[in-house]
Amino acid sequence: MNSKVNNKMDVKITQPKRNSKRLLVYMGMMLVVLAVGITLGYHQITPTEAPKDYTNKIITLDDVEEKNADFTMTMSHVYEMAKEPHPSGSQEIESVRAYIIEQLDKVGSTYEIQQSSILQNILVKIDAPNTEQGVMFVSHYDSTTGGPGAGDDLISVASMLEALRVVQQQNQLTNDMYFLFTDGEELGLLGAEAFVAANPDMKEKIAQVVNLEARGNAGTLLMFETSNDNKGMVQALSKGVDHVSAFSFLASFYKMMPNDTDLSVFLRAGYSGMNFAMADGVEAYHEPIDNYDNLNRNSAYMYFKTMVDLAHHLSTVDLGVLQSNEDAVYFPFLKGNTLIFSNKLMLISSILVGILSLTWGCTLLLRKECRLKDFGGTLLLILLSALGAGAVGKAGTYLAKRMIKGTSATEALSILDIFFYTMCVIVIIGMLLLTYWGATRIANKQAFLLSSLVILNILNWACLVILNSMAYIFTIPLFLLMIYSMAVFYLDKRKRNRKLFTYVFGTVFGLVAAILYTPILYILFIGLLSNLFFADMIIIVIAILPVAVVLAGKDALHESTIYPKGLAANPPRLFTR
């Protein structure tokens, strides 16, 4: 259309400029913001880095300083114990047990061996003065017949050996410290069950059970399960350990799953506790490659650091702080920072944001700031994009499962990685383009914002009912999008330029969304692999949608497009008859 005004009846109105330059600016900005945000989000769930001067030198207790924790010593323990598979009842587990006892004898620990049938649990107690209350750390020293168990669970055993050595030699305890090495976990939690049955009096003495497990040989150390009323213990964990990877939704998810660990036995017996494990490198789980050489050193260091720091903190903390009468909502936000809210506070906040955003949406409709037809069209577009993303995920699951048939575990995981990351790129690019197309096809800038508010609101309320520990991933974007919609309304009414505001707000919004959602996507992927590809892709749409709407919205209204007066009253819409 010629932009020159040839007729006095022509009128200059606001309309989209759909050209490649604006599209490139929008796509470039979105991709940069998402790249930075995803990097920051992923960095939150990478394991603590091992010291750069660490070498794979094998040492003994004679080589370490008495009161300083030593990662090299921890890895040397793993090296000595993880030489071959050592299932319960085998000759090989006798060697592992003898090694543990030898280390305890060298540091002068008081311990007892509790035998039940072929099982032999080893219980160490470091006695604090003037108390009978304490904390117990648990790991299992048996493996399956399939592999030597360096990750599952000898890195936990080794970290406990080093932590108890340091705690004992520093001799600053105000709480009793127990270290339980169980046998028979791989046979069905038999060692933990035997311990609970043989020691009924321990329940009154133990304020907290901390269990260390693994489902692989790499990745961050996740705190993935707690007992009920966990606010106090989560706060103590965050205070005692520098780098924590903990998500409240994981604890809720795990309760719905059929999986069990040694901690399950203690929780059923009425103990309080929390559970840790790494879950990446699943190709090594119960396999011959779960050995000393293949154990990820950063992951191993995170086990060591978490165990030593937590043991030191809990050895002197007032045990009363571990007790609470409510659950917490918690999640990391930037590496080394864990945000913790009381469940009640988060519930009230989510409800309040939900009501306010619904009220604001109704206000826009009643004031006719957004036509119902435009709102319906954009809402339909969003739903179709989510369905399309889900279909991409389903297709990916189908194709990936066909391709991994007959392959080794390592090859299968490589194929799944390729499928997952390829689908992520396809869905991200597709969602950005679709949002831009929709924003430039509709003159009413509030329509897309309102439909996005409705989608997030529905998800927010659904999470409050079904899984309130996860509602924050919808409440926070919902709140930010509502604030943006209100700000745009205010700026437009006063005829203020909102471009700079949109750029700044969109950038911040994009970083927050990527930081919140990236860990969730990654954990779902490594935890469930191809089984939930469709859910992963839909989550990507939900994460990107509000940010894309904000940044694409700056192009929804531009001056200098000339239309005849007859068209001015009815500018192009997203859907026309």
Protein backbone atom coordinates (compact mmCIF):
# COMPACT_ATOMS: atom_id res chain seq x y z
CA MET A 1 0.00 0.00 0.00
CA ASN A 2 1.34 3.42 -0.91
CA SER A 3 2.01 5.46 2.22
CA LYS A 4 1.49 8.75 0.37
CA VAL A 5 -1.77 10.52 1.24
CA ASN A 6 -3.69 11.09 -2.01
CA ASN A 7 -7.12 11.82 -0.62
CA LYS A 8 -8.35 14.13 2.11
CA MET A 9 -10.66 11.36 3.20
CA ASP A 10 -7.66 9.13 3.89
CA VAL A 11 -6.68 8.87 7.53
CA LYS A 12 -3.41 7.95 9.19
CA ILE A 13 -3.99 5.25 11.88
CA THR A 14 -1.98 2.83 13.93
CA GLN A 15 -1.35 -0.53 12.24
CA PRO A 16 1.27 -3.29 12.27
CA LYS A 17 4.38 -2.98 10.15
CA ARG A 18 5.21 -6.48 9.11
CA ASN A 19 8.69 -6.33 7.68
CA SER A 20 11.79 -8.40 8.01
CA LYS A 21 13.74 -5.75 9.93
CA ARG A 22 11.25 -5.60 12.80
CA LEU A 23 10.99 -9.38 12.86
CA LEU A 24 14.76 -9.75 13.04
CA VAL A 25 14.99 -7.24 15.89
CA TYR A 26 12.24 -9.07 17.81
CA MET A 27 13.70 -12.53 17.17
CA GLY A 28 17.22 -11.39 17.95
CA MET A 29 16.21 -9.80 21.24
CA MET A 30 14.09 -12.76 22.31
CA LEU A 31 16.81 -15.28 21.48
CA VAL A 32 19.50 -13.29 23.32
CA VAL A 33 17.31 -12.86 26.41
CA LEU A 34 16.35 -16.55 26.40
CA ALA A 35 19.95 -17.66 25.85
CA VAL A 36 21.17 -15.65 28.83
CA GLY A 37 18.23 -16.74 30.99
CA ILE A 38 18.56 -20.41 30.07
CA THR A 39 22.29 -20.28 30.82
CA LEU A 40 21.63 -18.78 34.25
CA GLY A 41 18.79 -21.23 34.87
CA TYR A 42 20.85 -24.25 33.90
CA HIS A 43 23.81 -23.02 35.96
CA GLN A 44 21.60 -23.30 39.06
CA ILE A 45 21.45 -27.06 38.69
CA THR A 46 25.02 -27.79 37.75
CA PRO A 47 27.03 -29.46 40.53
CA THR A 48 29.50 -27.56 42.66
CA GLU A 49 32.83 -27.51 40.85
CA ALA A 50 35.62 -29.64 42.21
CA PRO A 51 38.84 -27.79 43.15
CA LYS A 52 40.97 -27.04 40.11
CA ASP A 53 44.04 -28.44 41.85
CA TYR A 54 42.37 -31.80 42.46
CA THR A 55 44.22 -34.75 40.95
CA ASN A 56 43.23 -38.38 41.05
CA LYS A 57 45.96 -39.11 43.55
CA ILE A 58 45.16 -41.99 45.91
CA ILE A 59 46.02 -41.25 49.53
CA THR A 60 45.40 -42.71 52.98
CA LEU A 61 44.36 -41.23 56.32
CA ASP A 62 48.05 -40.81 57.18
CA ASP A 63 48.26 -38.17 54.43
CA VAL A 64 45.48 -35.84 55.60
CA GLU A 65 45.34 -33.05 58.15
CA GLU A 66 43.35 -34.15 61.17
CA LYS A 67 40.74 -31.39 61.37
CA ASN A 68 40.32 -30.49 57.70
CA ALA A 69 37.95 -32.27 55.33
CA ASP A 70 39.77 -33.64 52.30
CA PHE A 71 38.11 -34.35 48.94
CA THR A 72 41.11 -36.36 47.76
CA MET A 73 40.62 -38.65 50.77
CA THR A 74 36.94 -39.01 49.91
CA MET A 75 37.73 -40.05 46.35
CA SER A 76 40.41 -42.41 47.62
CA HIS A 77 37.72 -44.13 49.71
CA VAL A 78 35.64 -44.57 46.56
CA TYR A 79 38.63 -45.96 44.68
CA GLU A 80 39.29 -48.59 47.36
CA MET A 81 35.64 -49.67 47.71
CA ALA A 82 34.40 -49.51 44.10
CA LYS A 83 36.70 -52.06 42.53
CA GLU A 84 34.02 -54.64 41.74
CA PRO A 85 30.32 -55.36 42.31
CA HIS A 86 29.59 -56.17 45.96
CA PRO A 87 26.00 -57.30 46.49
CA SER A 88 24.76 -58.28 49.93
CA GLY A 89 25.95 -61.71 51.08
CA SER A 90 28.88 -61.82 48.64
CA GLN A 91 32.57 -62.17 49.42
CA GLU A 92 33.13 -58.79 47.75
CA ILE A 93 30.93 -56.94 50.23
CA GLU A 94 33.01 -58.42 53.02
CA SER A 95 35.99 -56.52 51.61
CA VAL A 96 34.01 -53.25 51.46
CA ARG A 97 32.76 -53.75 55.02
CA ALA A 98 36.29 -54.52 56.23
CA TYR A 99 37.54 -51.32 54.59
CA ILE A 100 34.86 -49.19 56.29
CA ILE A 101 35.63 -50.75 59.67
CA GLU A 102 39.35 -50.21 59.13
CA GLN A 103 38.77 -46.50 58.49
CA LEU A 104 36.57 -46.21 61.60
CA ASP A 105 39.21 -47.91 63.71
CA LYS A 106 41.93 -45.57 62.42
CA VAL A 107 40.01 -42.45 63.47
CA GLY A 108 38.94 -43.99 66.77
CA SER A 109 35.19 -44.08 66.13
CA THR A 110 32.75 -45.90 68.38
CA TYR A 111 30.59 -48.23 66.29
CA GLU A 112 28.56 -51.37 66.40
CA ILE A 113 27.71 -53.95 63.75
CA GLN A 114 24.06 -54.92 63.79
CA GLN A 115 23.54 -58.24 62.05
CA SER A 116 20.28 -59.60 60.68
CA SER A 117 20.51 -62.77 58.61
CA ILE A 118 23.15 -62.07 55.93
CA LEU A 119 22.89 -58.31 56.45
CA GLN A 120 25.30 -56.27 58.56
CA ASN A 121 24.52 -52.60 59.25
CA ILE A 122 27.28 -50.46 60.70
CA LEU A 123 26.17 -47.75 63.16
CA VAL A 124 28.61 -45.06 64.30
CA LYS A 125 27.78 -42.74 67.18
CA ILE A 126 29.70 -39.59 68.04
CA ASP A 127 28.49 -38.67 71.49
CA ALA A 128 27.87 -35.06 72.46
CA PRO A 129 27.88 -34.06 76.12
CA ASN A 130 24.66 -33.57 78.08
CA THR A 131 22.21 -34.68 75.41
CA GLU A 132 20.47 -37.75 74.04
CA GLN A 133 19.16 -35.97 70.93
CA GLY A 134 20.85 -36.03 67.57
CA VAL A 135 20.87 -36.38 63.81
CA MET A 136 21.50 -39.49 61.70
CA PHE A 137 23.07 -39.71 58.25
CA VAL A 138 22.36 -42.82 56.16
CA SER A 139 23.85 -44.41 53.04
CA HIS A 140 24.08 -47.99 51.80
CA TYR A 141 27.32 -49.80 51.06
CA ASP A 142 25.96 -52.73 49.05
CA SER A 143 25.68 -52.67 45.26
CA THR A 144 23.82 -54.69 42.66
CA THR A 145 25.49 -57.52 40.77
CA GLY A 146 25.54 -55.25 37.72
CA GLY A 147 28.18 -52.73 38.75
CA PRO A 148 30.65 -51.63 41.43
CA GLY A 149 28.37 -48.81 42.61
CA ALA A 150 30.76 -45.85 42.71
CA GLY A 151 27.81 -43.50 42.31
CA ASP A 152 25.16 -45.72 43.86
CA ASP A 153 26.08 -45.42 46.66
CA LEU A 154 29.78 -45.45 47.53
CA ILE A 155 30.33 -41.71 46.99
CA SER A 156 27.75 -41.25 49.78
CA VAL A 157 29.55 -43.77 51.99
CA ALA A 158 32.90 -42.08 51.32
CA SER A 159 31.49 -38.60 52.04
CA MET A 160 30.03 -39.85 55.33
CA LEU A 161 33.38 -41.38 56.32
CA GLU A 162 35.13 -38.07 55.75
CA ALA A 163 32.41 -36.02 57.46
CA LEU A 164 32.38 -38.19 60.59
CA ARG A 165 36.19 -38.06 60.77
CA VAL A 166 36.18 -34.25 60.74
CA VAL A 167 33.23 -33.84 63.11
CA GLN A 168 34.77 -36.28 65.56
CA GLN A 169 38.20 -34.69 65.52
CA GLN A 170 36.93 -31.12 65.77
CA ASN A 171 35.03 -32.20 68.90
CA GLN A 172 32.62 -29.25 69.06
CA LEU A 173 29.34 -31.15 69.14
CA THR A 174 26.22 -30.12 71.00
CA ASN A 175 24.12 -32.84 69.32
CA ASP A 176 24.74 -36.57 69.03
CA MET A 177 25.77 -37.56 65.53
CA TYR A 178 24.90 -40.96 64.08
CA PHE A 179 26.22 -42.40 60.83
CA LEU A 180 24.43 -45.51 59.59
CA PHE A 181 25.90 -47.60 56.76
CA THR A 182 23.14 -49.98 55.66
CA ASP A 183 23.41 -53.33 53.94
CA GLY A 184 20.74 -54.84 51.70
CA GLU A 185 19.29 -51.64 50.22
CA GLU A 186 19.45 -53.07 46.72
CA LEU A 187 17.60 -56.20 47.88
CA GLY A 188 14.61 -54.09 48.92
CA LEU A 189 15.64 -51.71 51.73
CA LEU A 190 16.25 -54.71 53.99
CA GLY A 191 19.03 -53.09 56.00
CA ALA A 192 16.98 -50.02 56.86
CA GLU A 193 13.99 -52.17 57.77
CA ALA A 194 16.15 -54.35 60.02
CA PHE A 195 17.59 -51.27 61.74
CA VAL A 196 14.19 -49.67 62.42
CA ALA A 197 12.80 -52.97 63.74
CA ALA A 198 15.81 -53.63 66.00
CA ASN A 199 16.06 -50.07 67.38
CA PRO A 200 12.57 -48.79 68.26
CA ASP A 201 14.01 -46.43 70.88
CA MET A 202 16.00 -44.51 68.26
CA LYS A 203 12.91 -42.69 67.00
CA GLU A 204 12.83 -40.57 70.16
CA LYS A 205 16.52 -39.72 69.88
CA ILE A 206 16.74 -38.76 66.21
CA ALA A 207 15.46 -35.30 65.24
CA GLN A 208 16.45 -35.68 61.60
CA VAL A 209 17.43 -38.45 59.18
CA VAL A 210 19.52 -37.42 56.16
CA ASN A 211 19.72 -40.07 53.45
CA LEU A 212 22.14 -39.97 50.51
CA GLU A 213 21.34 -41.91 47.35
CA ALA A 214 22.01 -41.89 43.61
CA ARG A 215 20.34 -42.79 40.33
CA GLY A 216 23.34 -42.26 38.10
CA ASN A 217 26.89 -40.99 38.32
CA ALA A 218 26.59 -37.32 37.36
CA GLY A 219 24.56 -34.15 37.79
CA THR A 220 23.73 -31.89 40.69
CA LEU A 221 22.91 -33.30 44.11
CA LEU A 222 19.16 -32.80 44.39
CA MET A 223 17.34 -32.62 47.68
CA PHE A 224 14.28 -34.34 46.27
CA GLU A 225 12.24 -35.61 49.23
CA THR A 226 11.30 -34.50 52.72
CA SER A 227 8.96 -35.53 55.48
CA ASN A 228 5.87 -33.40 56.13
CA ASP A 229 6.14 -29.99 57.82
CA ASN A 230 9.50 -29.35 56.20
CA LYS A 231 9.94 -25.59 56.53
CA GLY A 232 12.40 -25.79 59.44
CA MET A 233 14.62 -28.46 57.89
CA VAL A 234 14.74 -26.69 54.51
CA GLN A 235 15.76 -23.44 56.20
CA ALA A 236 18.45 -25.29 58.16
CA LEU A 237 19.73 -26.90 54.95
CA SER A 238 19.89 -23.55 53.16
CA LYS A 239 21.73 -21.98 56.09
CA GLY A 240 24.22 -24.81 56.50
CA VAL A 241 25.10 -25.55 52.86
CA ASP A 242 26.35 -22.97 50.34
CA HIS A 243 24.94 -24.57 47.21
CA VAL A 244 21.61 -26.36 47.45
CA SER A 245 19.57 -27.78 44.56
CA ALA A 246 16.14 -28.15 46.10
CA PHE A 247 12.63 -27.73 44.65
CA SER A 248 9.44 -28.09 46.66
CA PHE A 249 7.59 -29.54 43.68
CA LEU A 250 10.07 -32.44 43.53
CA ALA A 251 9.13 -33.51 47.04
CA SER A 252 5.44 -33.42 46.06
CA PHE A 253 6.08 -35.36 42.85
CA TYR A 254 8.14 -38.00 44.62
CA LYS A 255 5.32 -38.73 47.07
CA MET A 256 3.15 -39.70 44.08
CA MET A 257 5.73 -42.10 42.65
CA PRO A 258 6.22 -45.78 43.57
CA ASN A 259 9.97 -45.35 44.14
CA ASP A 260 11.51 -46.06 47.54
CA THR A 261 14.86 -45.49 49.25
CA ASP A 262 16.13 -46.21 52.75
CA LEU A 263 14.52 -42.95 53.85
CA SER A 264 11.11 -44.37 52.93
CA VAL A 265 11.49 -46.92 55.73
CA PHE A 266 12.31 -44.20 58.26
CA LEU A 267 9.45 -41.95 57.13
CA ARG A 268 6.94 -44.80 57.41
CA ALA A 269 8.24 -45.39 60.95
CA GLY A 270 7.52 -41.76 61.87
CA TYR A 271 10.98 -40.19 61.58
CA SER A 272 11.56 -36.74 60.03
CA GLY A 273 14.08 -36.51 57.24
CA MET A 274 15.27 -35.45 53.82
CA ASN A 275 16.65 -37.29 50.83
CA PHE A 276 19.48 -36.41 48.43
CA ALA A 277 20.51 -37.95 45.11
CA MET A 278 22.06 -37.19 41.75
CA ALA A 279 19.97 -38.29 38.78
CA ASP A 280 22.04 -37.62 35.68
CA GLY A 281 24.31 -40.15 34.03
CA VAL A 282 21.51 -42.68 34.32
CA GLU A 283 23.21 -44.89 31.73
CA ALA A 284 25.60 -45.91 34.51
CA TYR A 285 22.88 -46.82 37.00
CA HIS A 286 23.46 -50.43 38.16
CA GLU A 287 25.85 -50.94 35.25
CA PRO A 288 29.56 -51.89 35.05
CA ILE A 289 30.43 -48.32 34.07
CA ASP A 290 29.32 -47.05 37.50
CA ASN A 291 32.94 -47.13 38.59
CA TYR A 292 35.59 -44.85 40.04
CA ASP A 293 36.89 -43.64 36.66
CA ASN A 294 33.46 -42.63 35.35
CA LEU A 295 32.16 -40.94 38.49
CA ASN A 296 31.71 -37.24 37.67
CA ARG A 297 34.19 -35.34 39.84
CA ASN A 298 32.04 -32.23 40.22
CA SER A 299 29.09 -34.35 41.34
CA ALA A 300 31.33 -36.24 43.74
CA TYR A 301 32.62 -32.97 45.15
CA MET A 302 29.06 -31.74 45.71
CA TYR A 303 28.32 -34.90 47.72
CA PHE A 304 31.46 -34.34 49.77
CA LYS A 305 30.85 -30.60 50.32
CA THR A 306 27.15 -31.01 51.14
CA MET A 307 27.83 -33.86 53.55
CA VAL A 308 30.67 -32.14 55.38
CA ASP A 309 28.92 -28.75 55.61
CA LEU A 310 25.59 -30.21 56.68
CA ALA A 311 27.17 -32.50 59.28
CA HIS A 312 29.11 -29.58 60.71
CA HIS A 313 25.98 -27.37 60.83
CA LEU A 314 23.68 -30.00 62.32
CA SER A 315 26.24 -31.03 64.92
CA THR A 316 25.83 -27.70 66.72
CA VAL A 317 22.46 -26.28 65.62
CA ASP A 318 19.52 -26.02 68.01
CA LEU A 319 17.54 -29.10 66.92
CA GLY A 320 14.32 -27.25 67.67
CA VAL A 321 14.77 -25.20 64.47
CA LEU A 322 14.32 -28.39 62.43
CA GLN A 323 10.78 -28.74 63.68
CA SER A 324 7.92 -26.87 62.02
CA ASN A 325 4.17 -27.08 61.76
CA GLU A 326 3.98 -26.25 58.07
CA ASP A 327 5.52 -27.07 54.71
CA ALA A 328 7.57 -24.62 52.69
CA VAL A 329 7.60 -23.62 49.04
CA TYR A 330 11.24 -23.39 47.98
CA PHE A 331 13.28 -23.17 44.81
CA PRO A 332 16.71 -21.86 43.74
CA PHE A 333 16.97 -18.47 42.10
CA LEU A 334 20.48 -17.97 40.77
CA LYS A 335 23.11 -20.41 41.91
CA GLY A 336 23.72 -20.45 45.64
CA ASN A 337 20.40 -18.78 46.54
CA THR A 338 17.35 -20.70 47.70
CA LEU A 339 14.10 -18.79 48.10
CA ILE A 340 11.97 -20.22 50.91
CA PHE A 341 8.38 -19.19 51.65
CA SER A 342 5.87 -20.58 54.06
CA ASN A 343 3.22 -22.60 52.29
CA LYS A 344 0.51 -20.35 53.74
CA LEU A 345 2.18 -17.19 52.49
CA MET A 346 2.62 -18.63 49.00
CA LEU A 347 -0.96 -19.87 48.97
CA ILE A 348 -2.34 -16.46 49.96
CA SER A 349 -0.08 -14.72 47.42
CA SER A 350 -1.15 -17.04 44.61
CA ILE A 351 -4.83 -16.59 45.43
CA LEU A 352 -4.46 -12.82 45.67
CA VAL A 353 -2.61 -12.56 42.35
CA GLY A 354 -5.22 -14.82 40.75
CA ILE A 355 -8.11 -12.66 41.96
CA LEU A 356 -6.41 -9.38 41.03
CA SER A 357 -5.55 -10.57 37.52
CA LEU A 358 -9.09 -11.85 36.97
CA THR A 359 -10.45 -8.50 38.15
CA TRP A 360 -8.12 -6.63 35.85
CA GLY A 361 -9.09 -8.81 32.88
CA CYS A 362 -12.79 -8.23 33.51
CA THR A 363 -12.10 -4.49 33.80
CA LEU A 364 -10.46 -4.45 30.38
CA LEU A 365 -13.42 -6.25 28.83
CA LEU A 366 -16.03 -4.05 30.54
CA ARG A 367 -14.21 -0.88 29.48
CA LYS A 368 -14.06 -2.30 25.96
CA GLU A 369 -10.29 -1.99 25.91
CA CYS A 370 -10.34 -5.42 24.30
CA ARG A 371 -12.97 -6.85 21.98
CA LEU A 372 -14.30 -10.27 22.85
CA LYS A 373 -13.65 -11.36 19.28
CA ASP A 374 -9.97 -10.39 19.52
CA PHE A 375 -9.66 -11.98 22.92
CA GLY A 376 -11.23 -15.22 21.66
CA GLY A 377 -9.01 -15.28 18.59
CA THR A 378 -5.76 -14.85 20.50
CA LEU A 379 -6.88 -17.35 23.14
CA LEU A 380 -7.57 -19.90 20.42
CA LEU A 381 -4.17 -19.20 18.85
CA ILE A 382 -2.41 -19.83 22.18
CA LEU A 383 -4.29 -23.08 22.79
CA LEU A 384 -3.52 -24.30 19.27
CA SER A 385 0.18 -23.49 19.75
CA ALA A 386 0.23 -25.49 23.00
CA LEU A 387 -1.46 -28.42 21.28
CA GLY A 388 1.02 -28.15 18.42
CA ALA A 389 3.94 -28.20 20.84
CA GLY A 390 2.46 -31.22 22.60
CA ALA A 391 2.10 -32.95 19.23
CA VAL A 392 5.77 -32.25 18.48
CA GLY A 393 6.65 -33.84 21.83
CA LYS A 394 4.46 -36.88 21.18
CA ALA A 395 5.99 -37.35 17.73
CA GLY A 396 9.45 -37.03 19.27
CA THR A 397 8.64 -39.69 21.85
CA TYR A 398 7.38 -42.08 19.17
CA LEU A 399 10.40 -41.58 16.89
CA ALA A 400 12.95 -41.65 19.72
CA LYS A 401 11.59 -44.91 21.13
CA ARG A 402 11.80 -46.51 17.69
CA MET A 403 15.38 -45.35 17.19
CA ILE A 404 16.70 -46.49 20.57
CA LYS A 405 15.48 -50.06 20.18
CA GLY A 406 18.43 -52.43 20.28
CA THR A 407 20.94 -49.73 21.28
CA SER A 408 23.07 -49.57 24.40
CA ALA A 409 22.08 -47.34 27.30
CA THR A 410 24.76 -44.79 26.38
CA GLU A 411 23.68 -44.68 22.72
CA ALA A 412 20.01 -44.45 23.72
CA LEU A 413 20.63 -41.46 25.97
CA SER A 414 22.61 -39.70 23.24
CA ILE A 415 19.68 -40.17 20.86
CA LEU A 416 17.23 -38.88 23.47
CA ASP A 417 19.45 -35.83 24.06
CA ILE A 418 19.42 -35.03 20.34
CA PHE A 419 15.65 -35.41 20.11
CA PHE A 420 14.98 -33.35 23.23
CA TYR A 421 17.18 -30.38 22.38
CA THR A 422 16.08 -30.38 18.73
CA MET A 423 12.43 -30.30 19.77
CA CYS A 424 13.15 -27.50 22.23
CA VAL A 425 14.65 -25.36 19.45
CA ILE A 426 11.76 -26.12 17.08
CA VAL A 427 9.12 -25.24 19.67
CA ILE A 428 10.92 -22.08 20.82
CA ILE A 429 11.39 -20.73 17.28
CA GLY A 430 7.86 -21.74 16.30
CA MET A 431 6.32 -20.08 19.36
CA LEU A 432 8.24 -16.85 18.82
CA LEU A 433 7.21 -16.64 15.17
CA LEU A 434 3.59 -17.50 15.90
CA THR A 435 3.36 -14.90 18.65
CA TYR A 436 4.87 -12.24 16.39
CA TRP A 437 2.48 -13.14 13.59
CA GLY A 438 -0.48 -12.90 15.94
CA ALA A 439 0.69 -9.60 17.44
CA THR A 440 1.11 -8.00 14.03
CA ARG A 441 -2.28 -9.21 12.83
CA ILE A 442 -4.28 -7.55 15.55
CA ALA A 443 -4.54 -3.86 16.34
CA ASN A 444 -5.67 -4.29 19.94
CA LYS A 445 -2.53 -4.74 22.01
CA GLN A 446 -4.45 -5.83 25.14
CA ALA A 447 -6.04 -8.87 23.46
CA PHE A 448 -2.89 -11.00 23.55
CA LEU A 449 -2.05 -9.82 27.05
CA LEU A 450 -5.53 -10.66 28.31
CA SER A 451 -5.61 -14.13 26.75
CA SER A 452 -2.16 -14.86 28.22
CA LEU A 453 -3.38 -13.69 31.63
CA VAL A 454 -6.33 -16.07 31.39
CA ILE A 455 -4.13 -19.06 30.49
CA LEU A 456 -1.70 -18.39 33.34
CA ASN A 457 -4.59 -17.80 35.72
CA ILE A 458 -6.18 -21.16 34.90
CA LEU A 459 -2.84 -22.90 35.45
CA ASN A 460 -2.28 -20.97 38.67
CA TRP A 461 -5.64 -22.04 40.14
CA ALA A 462 -5.21 -25.63 38.92
CA CYS A 463 -1.81 -25.85 40.65
CA LEU A 464 -3.22 -24.42 43.87
CA VAL A 465 -5.74 -27.26 43.93
CA ILE A 466 -3.57 -30.12 42.66
CA LEU A 467 0.07 -29.26 43.46
CA ASN A 468 0.41 -25.98 45.35
CA SER A 469 4.15 -26.52 45.87
CA MET A 470 4.55 -25.75 42.15
CA ALA A 471 2.12 -22.83 41.83
CA TYR A 472 4.97 -20.30 42.00
CA ILE A 473 5.99 -21.05 38.40
CA PHE A 474 2.63 -19.63 37.29
CA THR A 475 2.01 -17.06 40.04
CA ILE A 476 5.22 -15.12 39.38
CA PRO A 477 4.77 -14.79 35.56
CA LEU A 478 1.05 -14.04 36.10
CA PHE A 479 1.92 -11.20 38.48
CA LEU A 480 4.54 -9.74 36.13
CA LEU A 481 2.24 -9.92 33.11
CA MET A 482 -0.58 -8.23 35.04
CA ILE A 483 1.77 -5.42 36.08
CA TYR A 484 2.85 -4.95 32.46
CA SER A 485 -0.73 -4.85 31.20
CA MET A 486 -1.62 -2.21 33.80
CA ALA A 487 1.48 -0.17 32.96
CA VAL A 488 0.69 -0.25 29.24
CA PHE A 489 -2.86 0.87 29.94
CA TYR A 490 -1.57 3.76 32.07
CA LEU A 491 1.08 4.85 29.55
CA ASP A 492 -1.28 4.72 26.58
CA LYS A 493 -3.96 6.73 28.36
CA ARG A 494 -1.39 9.45 28.97
CA LYS A 495 0.02 9.08 25.46
CA ARG A 496 3.45 8.17 26.77
CA ASN A 497 5.96 6.24 24.70
CA ARG A 498 6.18 2.71 26.09
CA LYS A 499 8.90 1.31 23.82
CA LEU A 500 11.77 1.72 26.29
CA PHE A 501 9.60 0.41 29.13
CA THR A 502 8.64 -2.62 27.01
CA TYR A 503 12.26 -3.41 26.17
CA VAL A 504 13.40 -3.19 29.80
CA PHE A 505 10.40 -5.02 31.25
CA GLY A 506 10.49 -7.69 28.55
CA THR A 507 14.18 -8.35 29.16
CA VAL A 508 13.74 -8.70 32.92
CA PHE A 509 10.60 -10.81 32.43
CA GLY A 510 12.40 -13.10 29.99
CA LEU A 511 15.35 -13.64 32.32
CA VAL A 512 13.06 -14.42 35.28
CA ALA A 513 10.96 -16.87 33.23
CA ALA A 514 14.00 -18.69 31.85
CA ILE A 515 15.65 -18.91 35.28
CA LEU A 516 12.43 -20.34 36.77
CA TYR A 517 11.54 -22.83 34.04
CA THR A 518 14.90 -24.14 32.79
CA PRO A 519 15.66 -26.27 35.89
CA ILE A 520 12.14 -27.72 35.84
CA LEU A 521 12.42 -28.72 32.19
CA TYR A 522 15.83 -30.27 32.69
CA ILE A 523 14.81 -32.21 35.80
CA LEU A 524 11.70 -33.55 34.07
CA PHE A 525 13.85 -34.61 31.13
CA ILE A 526 16.56 -36.43 33.10
CA GLY A 527 13.98 -37.89 35.47
CA LEU A 528 11.46 -39.19 32.97
CA LEU A 529 13.41 -39.02 29.67
CA SER A 530 11.12 -39.52 26.65
CA ASN A 531 7.99 -40.35 28.66
CA LEU A 532 7.02 -36.70 29.09
CA PHE A 533 8.41 -35.03 25.97
CA PHE A 534 4.90 -33.69 25.25
CA ALA A 535 4.70 -32.07 28.70
CA ASP A 536 8.19 -30.58 28.30
CA MET A 537 7.18 -28.92 25.03
CA ILE A 538 3.95 -27.51 26.47
CA ILE A 539 5.90 -26.09 29.42
CA ILE A 540 8.19 -24.32 26.93
CA VAL A 541 5.13 -22.66 25.36
CA ILE A 542 3.87 -21.57 28.79
CA ALA A 543 7.30 -20.21 29.72
CA ILE A 544 7.87 -18.25 26.50
CA LEU A 545 4.32 -17.07 25.83
CA PRO A 546 4.03 -14.10 28.22
CA VAL A 547 7.53 -12.82 27.42
CA ALA A 548 6.99 -13.13 23.67
CA VAL A 549 3.66 -11.33 23.99
CA VAL A 550 5.31 -8.44 25.83
CA LEU A 551 8.16 -8.00 23.34
CA ALA A 552 6.06 -8.68 20.25
CA GLY A 553 3.47 -6.23 21.58
CA LYS A 554 5.69 -3.27 20.84
CA ASP A 555 5.06 -4.01 17.15
CA ALA A 556 1.31 -4.39 17.55
CA LEU A 557 0.73 -0.67 17.06
CA HIS A 558 2.78 1.58 14.78
CA GLU A 559 2.13 4.95 13.27
CA SER A 560 2.58 5.94 9.62
CA THR A 561 0.46 3.33 7.88
CA ILE A 562 -2.24 5.03 5.78
CA TYR A 563 -5.66 3.50 5.28
CA PRO A 564 -8.72 4.93 3.60
CA LYS A 565 -11.17 6.38 6.07
CA GLY A 566 -13.62 3.58 5.48
CA LEU A 567 -11.06 1.06 6.73
CA ALA A 568 -10.03 3.09 9.72
CA ALA A 569 -13.01 2.07 11.76
CA ASN A 570 -12.38 -1.60 11.00
CA PRO A 571 -8.64 -2.23 10.84
CA PRO A 572 -7.38 -5.75 10.02
CA ARG A 573 -8.02 -8.31 12.77
CA LEU A 574 -6.52 -11.66 13.59
CA PHE A 575 -9.64 -13.49 12.42
CA THR A 576 -12.06 -12.01 9.89
CA ARG A 577 -15.30 -13.26 8.50
